[in-house]
Amino acid sequence: MVHCHWAHDVRTAMQLVEAVAPIKPFWFEDPLQPAWSPRLQRLYRVRNSGGFLETKRIADSETVTGKGDWMDQVLALDRPYIKGGMIELSSKPGLRVDLNADVRKAHLTTGDSW
């Protein structure tokens, strides 16, 4: 698994792709800043998620809410936000979500502060 945290330019990302290709990593994630640029097309030609089922598997493991555990309580919601498998957007301004401070504080990691 290779996660780059948006740390590279296109040239460096391509060099890294070529360097790790022989070990066939499970994924190569976020090598470039998320802002769109036509130069990204060159890097995107090396991507492949393995089809619809693989894409669904990735989406299922990337989704951290809607499973009925404490992460669902982190979001302070006035109603469920996942409806029919889709996120139902709120009419609130901004990011449209509020965090439940009590739940967040109860699950801090060692050394973390609110």
N, C-alpha and C. Protein backbone atom coordinates (compact mmCIF):
# COMPACT_ATOMS: atom_id res chain seq x y z
N MET A 1 0.85 -1.17 0.00
CA MET A 1 0.00 0.00 0.00
C MET A 1 0.89 1.23 0.00
N VAL A 2 0.58 2.19 -0.86
CA VAL A 2 1.37 3.41 -0.94
C VAL A 2 0.41 4.59 -0.82
N HIS A 3 0.56 5.36 0.24
CA HIS A 3 -0.25 6.57 0.42
C HIS A 3 0.70 7.74 0.52
N CYS A 4 0.56 8.69 -0.39
CA CYS A 4 1.54 9.77 -0.52
C CYS A 4 1.13 11.07 0.15
N HIS A 5 -0.10 11.20 0.57
CA HIS A 5 -0.59 12.40 1.27
C HIS A 5 -0.37 13.67 0.45
N TRP A 6 -0.62 13.61 -0.86
CA TRP A 6 -0.57 14.77 -1.75
C TRP A 6 0.80 15.46 -1.73
N ALA A 7 1.87 14.68 -1.60
CA ALA A 7 3.19 15.26 -1.36
C ALA A 7 4.05 15.46 -2.60
N HIS A 8 3.60 15.02 -3.79
CA HIS A 8 4.51 14.99 -4.92
C HIS A 8 4.02 15.83 -6.10
N ASP A 9 4.96 16.18 -6.97
CA ASP A 9 4.60 16.76 -8.25
C ASP A 9 4.44 15.60 -9.24
N VAL A 10 4.03 15.90 -10.47
CA VAL A 10 3.75 14.84 -11.45
C VAL A 10 5.00 14.01 -11.73
N ARG A 11 6.14 14.65 -11.93
CA ARG A 11 7.36 13.91 -12.26
C ARG A 11 7.74 12.94 -11.14
N THR A 12 7.73 13.42 -9.88
CA THR A 12 8.09 12.57 -8.75
C THR A 12 7.08 11.45 -8.57
N ALA A 13 5.79 11.75 -8.75
CA ALA A 13 4.76 10.72 -8.62
C ALA A 13 4.96 9.63 -9.67
N MET A 14 5.29 10.01 -10.90
CA MET A 14 5.54 9.02 -11.95
C MET A 14 6.76 8.15 -11.61
N GLN A 15 7.81 8.78 -11.08
CA GLN A 15 8.99 8.02 -10.69
C GLN A 15 8.65 7.03 -9.58
N LEU A 16 7.83 7.45 -8.63
CA LEU A 16 7.43 6.58 -7.54
C LEU A 16 6.56 5.42 -8.05
N VAL A 17 5.63 5.72 -8.98
CA VAL A 17 4.81 4.66 -9.58
C VAL A 17 5.71 3.62 -10.22
N GLU A 18 6.68 4.06 -11.00
CA GLU A 18 7.58 3.14 -11.67
C GLU A 18 8.43 2.34 -10.68
N ALA A 19 8.83 2.99 -9.58
CA ALA A 19 9.67 2.31 -8.59
C ALA A 19 8.92 1.22 -7.84
N VAL A 20 7.64 1.44 -7.54
CA VAL A 20 6.88 0.46 -6.74
C VAL A 20 6.11 -0.54 -7.62
N ALA A 21 6.03 -0.31 -8.92
CA ALA A 21 5.27 -1.20 -9.81
C ALA A 21 5.67 -2.67 -9.69
N PRO A 22 6.95 -3.01 -9.57
CA PRO A 22 7.32 -4.43 -9.48
C PRO A 22 6.71 -5.16 -8.27
N ILE A 23 6.43 -4.45 -7.19
CA ILE A 23 5.85 -5.12 -6.01
C ILE A 23 4.32 -5.15 -6.05
N LYS A 24 3.74 -4.57 -7.10
CA LYS A 24 2.29 -4.57 -7.30
C LYS A 24 1.53 -4.18 -6.03
N PRO A 25 1.65 -2.93 -5.60
CA PRO A 25 0.97 -2.52 -4.36
C PRO A 25 -0.54 -2.61 -4.50
N PHE A 26 -1.21 -2.83 -3.36
CA PHE A 26 -2.68 -2.89 -3.37
C PHE A 26 -3.26 -1.57 -3.85
N TRP A 27 -2.65 -0.45 -3.45
CA TRP A 27 -3.10 0.84 -3.96
C TRP A 27 -1.97 1.86 -3.90
N PHE A 28 -2.15 2.89 -4.70
CA PHE A 28 -1.24 4.04 -4.78
C PHE A 28 -2.16 5.25 -4.68
N GLU A 29 -2.19 5.86 -3.52
CA GLU A 29 -3.24 6.83 -3.24
C GLU A 29 -2.69 8.24 -3.01
N ASP A 30 -3.39 9.21 -3.56
CA ASP A 30 -3.18 10.64 -3.34
C ASP A 30 -1.74 11.11 -3.53
N PRO A 31 -1.13 10.83 -4.69
CA PRO A 31 0.24 11.31 -4.89
C PRO A 31 0.32 12.81 -5.17
N LEU A 32 -0.76 13.38 -5.73
CA LEU A 32 -0.74 14.79 -6.14
C LEU A 32 -1.78 15.59 -5.38
N GLN A 33 -1.57 16.90 -5.36
CA GLN A 33 -2.58 17.77 -4.77
C GLN A 33 -3.90 17.57 -5.51
N PRO A 34 -5.04 17.67 -4.81
CA PRO A 34 -6.32 17.35 -5.45
C PRO A 34 -6.80 18.35 -6.51
N ALA A 35 -6.20 19.52 -6.60
CA ALA A 35 -6.64 20.49 -7.62
C ALA A 35 -6.41 19.92 -9.01
N TRP A 36 -7.41 20.04 -9.89
CA TRP A 36 -7.32 19.47 -11.23
C TRP A 36 -6.34 20.24 -12.10
N SER A 37 -5.59 19.51 -12.87
CA SER A 37 -4.68 20.07 -13.85
C SER A 37 -4.61 19.11 -15.02
N PRO A 38 -4.56 19.61 -16.25
CA PRO A 38 -4.43 18.71 -17.41
C PRO A 38 -3.20 17.81 -17.31
N ARG A 39 -2.16 18.23 -16.57
CA ARG A 39 -0.97 17.40 -16.42
C ARG A 39 -1.27 16.11 -15.66
N LEU A 40 -2.35 16.11 -14.88
CA LEU A 40 -2.69 14.90 -14.11
C LEU A 40 -3.08 13.74 -15.02
N GLN A 41 -3.53 14.04 -16.23
CA GLN A 41 -3.95 12.97 -17.15
C GLN A 41 -2.82 11.96 -17.36
N ARG A 42 -1.60 12.46 -17.41
CA ARG A 42 -0.45 11.57 -17.61
C ARG A 42 -0.32 10.56 -16.47
N LEU A 43 -0.51 11.02 -15.25
CA LEU A 43 -0.42 10.12 -14.11
C LEU A 43 -1.64 9.21 -14.03
N TYR A 44 -2.81 9.74 -14.34
CA TYR A 44 -4.04 8.95 -14.21
C TYR A 44 -4.09 7.78 -15.19
N ARG A 45 -3.29 7.81 -16.26
CA ARG A 45 -3.26 6.69 -17.20
C ARG A 45 -2.75 5.41 -16.53
N VAL A 46 -2.04 5.52 -15.38
CA VAL A 46 -1.50 4.32 -14.71
C VAL A 46 -2.46 3.79 -13.65
N ARG A 47 -3.67 4.33 -13.53
CA ARG A 47 -4.58 3.89 -12.47
C ARG A 47 -5.54 2.84 -12.98
N ASN A 48 -5.97 2.01 -12.06
CA ASN A 48 -6.94 0.98 -12.38
C ASN A 48 -7.49 0.46 -11.06
N SER A 49 -8.80 0.57 -10.90
CA SER A 49 -9.39 0.10 -9.64
C SER A 49 -9.92 -1.32 -9.76
N GLY A 50 -9.78 -1.96 -10.90
CA GLY A 50 -10.19 -3.34 -11.03
C GLY A 50 -11.65 -3.53 -11.34
N GLY A 51 -12.34 -2.50 -11.77
CA GLY A 51 -13.74 -2.64 -12.17
C GLY A 51 -14.72 -2.15 -11.12
N PHE A 52 -16.02 -2.36 -11.42
CA PHE A 52 -17.08 -1.84 -10.56
C PHE A 52 -17.06 -2.46 -9.16
N LEU A 53 -16.88 -3.77 -9.06
CA LEU A 53 -16.89 -4.41 -7.74
C LEU A 53 -15.71 -3.97 -6.89
N GLU A 54 -14.54 -3.81 -7.50
CA GLU A 54 -13.38 -3.32 -6.77
C GLU A 54 -13.60 -1.89 -6.31
N THR A 55 -14.19 -1.07 -7.16
CA THR A 55 -14.50 0.31 -6.79
C THR A 55 -15.48 0.34 -5.62
N LYS A 56 -16.48 -0.55 -5.64
CA LYS A 56 -17.45 -0.63 -4.54
C LYS A 56 -16.75 -1.06 -3.26
N ARG A 57 -15.84 -2.04 -3.36
CA ARG A 57 -15.10 -2.50 -2.17
C ARG A 57 -14.29 -1.36 -1.56
N ILE A 58 -13.66 -0.56 -2.41
CA ILE A 58 -12.90 0.59 -1.93
C ILE A 58 -13.83 1.57 -1.22
N ALA A 59 -14.96 1.87 -1.85
CA ALA A 59 -15.92 2.80 -1.25
C ALA A 59 -16.46 2.27 0.08
N ASP A 60 -16.72 0.97 0.16
CA ASP A 60 -17.22 0.38 1.40
C ASP A 60 -16.21 0.52 2.53
N SER A 61 -14.90 0.32 2.27
CA SER A 61 -13.90 0.41 3.34
C SER A 61 -13.53 1.84 3.65
N GLU A 62 -13.80 2.79 2.71
CA GLU A 62 -13.49 4.21 2.95
C GLU A 62 -14.61 4.91 3.72
N THR A 63 -15.79 4.31 3.74
CA THR A 63 -16.93 4.92 4.43
C THR A 63 -16.86 4.57 5.90
N VAL A 64 -16.76 5.58 6.76
CA VAL A 64 -16.60 5.34 8.19
C VAL A 64 -17.87 5.62 8.98
N THR A 65 -18.91 6.09 8.32
CA THR A 65 -20.17 6.33 9.02
C THR A 65 -21.27 5.53 8.33
N GLY A 66 -22.43 5.45 9.00
CA GLY A 66 -23.55 4.71 8.46
C GLY A 66 -23.52 3.24 8.82
N LYS A 67 -22.62 2.85 9.75
CA LYS A 67 -22.48 1.46 10.15
C LYS A 67 -23.05 1.18 11.54
N GLY A 68 -23.58 2.23 12.21
CA GLY A 68 -24.20 2.05 13.51
C GLY A 68 -23.26 2.08 14.70
N ASP A 69 -21.98 2.45 14.49
CA ASP A 69 -21.07 2.52 15.63
C ASP A 69 -20.90 3.97 16.09
N TRP A 70 -19.92 4.20 16.95
CA TRP A 70 -19.76 5.53 17.54
C TRP A 70 -19.44 6.61 16.51
N MET A 71 -18.87 6.25 15.37
CA MET A 71 -18.58 7.27 14.35
C MET A 71 -19.86 7.93 13.84
N ASP A 72 -20.98 7.20 13.87
CA ASP A 72 -22.25 7.81 13.47
C ASP A 72 -22.68 8.90 14.44
N GLN A 73 -22.24 8.79 15.70
CA GLN A 73 -22.62 9.77 16.70
C GLN A 73 -21.72 11.01 16.68
N VAL A 74 -20.56 10.93 15.98
CA VAL A 74 -19.66 12.08 15.90
C VAL A 74 -20.34 13.24 15.16
N LEU A 75 -21.12 12.89 14.14
CA LEU A 75 -21.84 13.91 13.41
C LEU A 75 -23.13 14.24 14.15
N ALA A 76 -23.31 15.51 14.47
CA ALA A 76 -24.54 15.94 15.14
C ALA A 76 -25.58 16.21 14.05
N LEU A 77 -26.47 15.26 13.86
CA LEU A 77 -27.44 15.34 12.78
C LEU A 77 -28.86 15.41 13.32
N ASP A 78 -29.72 16.11 12.61
CA ASP A 78 -31.12 16.16 13.01
C ASP A 78 -31.93 15.05 12.34
N ARG A 79 -31.29 14.30 11.41
CA ARG A 79 -31.94 13.18 10.73
C ARG A 79 -30.86 12.33 10.08
N PRO A 80 -31.16 11.09 9.68
CA PRO A 80 -30.15 10.28 8.98
C PRO A 80 -29.71 10.98 7.69
N TYR A 81 -28.43 10.87 7.39
CA TYR A 81 -27.95 11.55 6.18
C TYR A 81 -27.70 10.59 5.02
N ILE A 82 -27.76 9.28 5.28
CA ILE A 82 -27.63 8.32 4.19
C ILE A 82 -29.02 7.76 3.93
N LYS A 83 -29.50 7.97 2.71
CA LYS A 83 -30.85 7.56 2.34
C LYS A 83 -30.77 6.82 1.00
N GLY A 84 -31.20 5.56 0.99
CA GLY A 84 -31.17 4.79 -0.24
C GLY A 84 -29.76 4.60 -0.78
N GLY A 85 -28.78 4.53 0.13
CA GLY A 85 -27.39 4.33 -0.30
C GLY A 85 -26.71 5.59 -0.78
N MET A 86 -27.37 6.72 -0.68
CA MET A 86 -26.81 8.00 -1.13
C MET A 86 -26.76 8.97 0.04
N ILE A 87 -25.79 9.88 0.02
CA ILE A 87 -25.72 10.92 1.04
C ILE A 87 -26.73 12.00 0.69
N GLU A 88 -27.60 12.29 1.63
CA GLU A 88 -28.60 13.34 1.43
C GLU A 88 -28.05 14.63 2.04
N LEU A 89 -27.80 15.60 1.21
CA LEU A 89 -27.21 16.86 1.67
C LEU A 89 -28.21 17.68 2.45
N SER A 90 -27.68 18.38 3.44
CA SER A 90 -28.49 19.29 4.25
C SER A 90 -28.56 20.65 3.57
N SER A 91 -29.47 21.46 4.01
CA SER A 91 -29.55 22.82 3.46
C SER A 91 -28.73 23.80 4.29
N LYS A 92 -28.01 23.30 5.31
CA LYS A 92 -27.17 24.16 6.14
C LYS A 92 -26.01 24.72 5.30
N PRO A 93 -25.55 25.92 5.62
CA PRO A 93 -24.40 26.47 4.88
C PRO A 93 -23.09 25.79 5.28
N GLY A 94 -22.04 26.06 4.54
CA GLY A 94 -20.72 25.52 4.85
C GLY A 94 -20.63 24.05 4.52
N LEU A 95 -19.93 23.30 5.39
CA LEU A 95 -19.77 21.87 5.17
C LEU A 95 -21.04 21.10 5.47
N ARG A 96 -22.01 21.75 6.07
CA ARG A 96 -23.33 21.19 6.34
C ARG A 96 -23.32 20.11 7.41
N VAL A 97 -22.27 20.07 8.23
CA VAL A 97 -22.23 19.12 9.33
C VAL A 97 -21.71 19.81 10.58
N ASP A 98 -22.14 19.33 11.71
CA ASP A 98 -21.62 19.77 13.00
C ASP A 98 -21.09 18.54 13.71
N LEU A 99 -20.00 18.73 14.48
CA LEU A 99 -19.45 17.63 15.25
C LEU A 99 -20.04 17.61 16.65
N ASN A 100 -20.29 16.43 17.15
CA ASN A 100 -20.77 16.24 18.51
C ASN A 100 -19.53 16.25 19.41
N ALA A 101 -19.29 17.37 20.10
CA ALA A 101 -18.07 17.56 20.88
C ALA A 101 -17.92 16.50 21.97
N ASP A 102 -19.00 16.10 22.62
CA ASP A 102 -18.91 15.12 23.70
C ASP A 102 -18.42 13.76 23.19
N VAL A 103 -18.94 13.33 22.05
CA VAL A 103 -18.52 12.05 21.47
C VAL A 103 -17.07 12.14 21.01
N ARG A 104 -16.71 13.22 20.37
CA ARG A 104 -15.33 13.42 19.90
C ARG A 104 -14.36 13.39 21.07
N LYS A 105 -14.67 14.10 22.15
CA LYS A 105 -13.79 14.13 23.33
C LYS A 105 -13.65 12.75 23.96
N ALA A 106 -14.72 11.97 23.95
CA ALA A 106 -14.70 10.64 24.56
C ALA A 106 -13.82 9.66 23.78
N HIS A 107 -13.49 9.97 22.54
CA HIS A 107 -12.71 9.05 21.71
C HIS A 107 -11.36 9.64 21.28
N LEU A 108 -10.85 10.58 22.03
CA LEU A 108 -9.53 11.15 21.72
C LEU A 108 -8.45 10.09 21.91
N THR A 109 -7.43 10.15 21.10
CA THR A 109 -6.29 9.25 21.28
C THR A 109 -5.33 9.88 22.28
N THR A 110 -4.43 9.08 22.81
CA THR A 110 -3.45 9.56 23.78
C THR A 110 -2.65 10.69 23.17
N GLY A 111 -2.58 11.80 23.89
CA GLY A 111 -1.84 12.96 23.40
C GLY A 111 -2.64 13.90 22.54
N ASP A 112 -3.85 13.51 22.15
CA ASP A 112 -4.73 14.35 21.33
C ASP A 112 -5.49 15.31 22.22
N SER A 113 -5.80 16.47 21.73
CA SER A 113 -6.59 17.42 22.51
C SER A 113 -7.71 17.98 21.65
N TRP A 114 -8.75 18.41 22.29
CA TRP A 114 -9.90 18.97 21.59
C TRP A 114 -9.59 20.37 21.32
